[in-house]
Amino acid sequence: MTTEATMAPTQTAPPHTDTVLAQIAGMLRDLPEAGLDDVEIDRDTLFHDDLELESIDLVGLAGALREHYGEQVNVALFIADLELDEIIALTVGELADYVAASLHAAERG
């Protein structure tokens, strides 16, 4: 019989993409000037066309993500690698995928 005292400590696994998606949706709703309190946000929601976010809102979201997840999530670097048409077509799901992948990569070292 194994007791808690002899069991190895469990490591916290990085969040699943669906969890990250829900957290990003919450962060978007918390953006002060975005007015997204009652907007449905899912994987296919477009930042530009559906949410009509300004660049300052994306900066705020990037800061919130970095504060929540730490240095391993660098949204500015992610967006800098995209072409303008890719930025305009960016979905919340694509950002969630990036965040989850970054967290998994950081866990692997």
Protein backbone atom coordinates (compact mmCIF):
# COMPACT_ATOMS: atom_id res chain seq x y z
CA MET A 1 0.00 0.00 0.00
CA THR A 2 1.39 3.38 -0.97
CA THR A 3 0.89 6.40 1.19
CA GLU A 4 0.88 10.01 0.08
CA ALA A 5 4.21 10.55 1.81
CA THR A 6 5.95 7.96 -0.39
CA MET A 7 4.33 8.87 -3.70
CA ALA A 8 6.29 10.99 -6.15
CA PRO A 9 4.97 14.51 -6.58
CA THR A 10 2.88 14.95 -9.68
CA GLN A 11 3.85 17.56 -12.22
CA THR A 12 1.23 19.85 -13.61
CA ALA A 13 0.70 19.15 -17.29
CA PRO A 14 0.29 22.07 -19.67
CA PRO A 15 -3.36 22.89 -20.34
CA HIS A 16 -5.18 21.24 -23.23
CA THR A 17 -6.03 23.45 -26.22
CA ASP A 18 -9.72 23.58 -25.23
CA THR A 19 -8.75 24.88 -21.79
CA VAL A 20 -6.48 27.49 -23.37
CA LEU A 21 -9.30 28.48 -25.73
CA ALA A 22 -11.66 29.02 -22.80
CA GLN A 23 -9.01 31.05 -20.96
CA ILE A 24 -8.36 33.23 -24.03
CA ALA A 25 -12.11 33.80 -24.45
CA GLY A 26 -12.26 34.94 -20.82
CA MET A 27 -9.30 37.26 -21.31
CA LEU A 28 -10.93 38.74 -24.40
CA ARG A 29 -14.13 39.41 -22.46
CA ASP A 30 -12.04 41.13 -19.78
CA LEU A 31 -10.43 43.59 -22.22
CA PRO A 32 -11.68 46.99 -20.98
CA GLU A 33 -12.62 48.69 -24.24
CA ALA A 34 -13.39 45.67 -26.43
CA GLY A 35 -17.05 45.30 -25.41
CA LEU A 36 -17.07 41.52 -25.79
CA ASP A 37 -19.08 40.62 -22.69
CA ASP A 38 -21.93 38.92 -24.58
CA VAL A 39 -20.08 37.73 -27.69
CA GLU A 40 -19.81 34.02 -28.43
CA ILE A 41 -16.13 33.13 -28.89
CA ASP A 42 -15.08 29.77 -30.31
CA ARG A 43 -12.21 28.25 -32.33
CA ASP A 44 -13.39 29.81 -35.58
CA THR A 45 -13.93 33.33 -34.24
CA LEU A 46 -11.85 35.83 -36.21
CA PHE A 47 -10.08 38.53 -34.25
CA HIS A 48 -10.48 41.06 -37.05
CA ASP A 49 -13.86 40.38 -38.67
CA ASP A 50 -15.85 38.85 -35.80
CA LEU A 51 -14.44 40.61 -32.75
CA GLU A 52 -13.39 43.81 -34.55
CA LEU A 53 -10.40 44.18 -32.25
CA GLU A 54 -8.03 47.10 -32.59
CA SER A 55 -4.29 46.51 -32.46
CA ILE A 56 -4.21 47.95 -28.93
CA ASP A 57 -6.66 45.20 -27.88
CA LEU A 58 -4.29 42.56 -29.26
CA VAL A 59 -1.45 44.15 -27.32
CA GLY A 60 -3.59 43.94 -24.18
CA LEU A 61 -4.41 40.30 -24.89
CA ALA A 62 -0.72 39.52 -25.51
CA GLY A 63 0.13 41.08 -22.14
CA ALA A 64 -2.60 39.12 -20.37
CA LEU A 65 -1.41 35.86 -21.94
CA ARG A 66 2.20 36.53 -20.97
CA GLU A 67 1.16 37.43 -17.42
CA HIS A 68 -0.97 34.28 -17.13
CA TYR A 69 1.34 31.76 -18.82
CA GLY A 70 4.77 33.33 -18.43
CA GLU A 71 7.63 34.04 -20.80
CA GLN A 72 7.17 30.88 -22.88
CA VAL A 73 4.09 32.43 -24.55
CA ASN A 74 5.21 35.30 -26.77
CA VAL A 75 2.23 36.42 -28.86
CA ALA A 76 4.17 39.34 -30.35
CA LEU A 77 6.73 36.91 -31.77
CA PHE A 78 3.95 34.64 -33.07
CA ILE A 79 2.21 37.52 -34.84
CA ALA A 80 5.49 38.92 -36.17
CA ASP A 81 5.97 35.68 -38.14
CA LEU A 82 2.61 36.12 -39.92
CA GLU A 83 1.86 37.95 -43.15
CA LEU A 84 -0.74 40.74 -43.04
CA ASP A 85 -3.45 38.57 -44.63
CA GLU A 86 -2.72 35.83 -42.07
CA ILE A 87 -3.07 38.34 -39.21
CA ILE A 88 -6.40 39.53 -40.59
CA ALA A 89 -7.60 35.91 -40.90
CA LEU A 90 -6.26 34.86 -37.46
CA THR A 91 -8.76 32.89 -35.39
CA VAL A 92 -8.99 32.47 -31.65
CA GLY A 93 -8.41 28.73 -32.20
CA GLU A 94 -5.13 29.35 -34.02
CA LEU A 95 -3.92 31.47 -31.12
CA ALA A 96 -5.03 28.80 -28.64
CA ASP A 97 -3.12 26.18 -30.66
CA TYR A 98 0.01 28.38 -30.53
CA VAL A 99 -0.28 28.92 -26.77
CA ALA A 100 -0.84 25.21 -26.07
CA ALA A 101 2.08 24.23 -28.32
CA SER A 102 4.33 26.79 -26.60
CA LEU A 103 3.42 25.43 -23.19
CA HIS A 104 4.01 21.85 -24.27
CA ALA A 105 7.38 22.79 -25.81
CA ALA A 106 8.40 24.56 -22.60
CA GLU A 107 7.46 21.46 -20.59
CA ARG A 108 9.68 19.27 -22.78
CA GLY A 109 12.51 21.70 -22.25
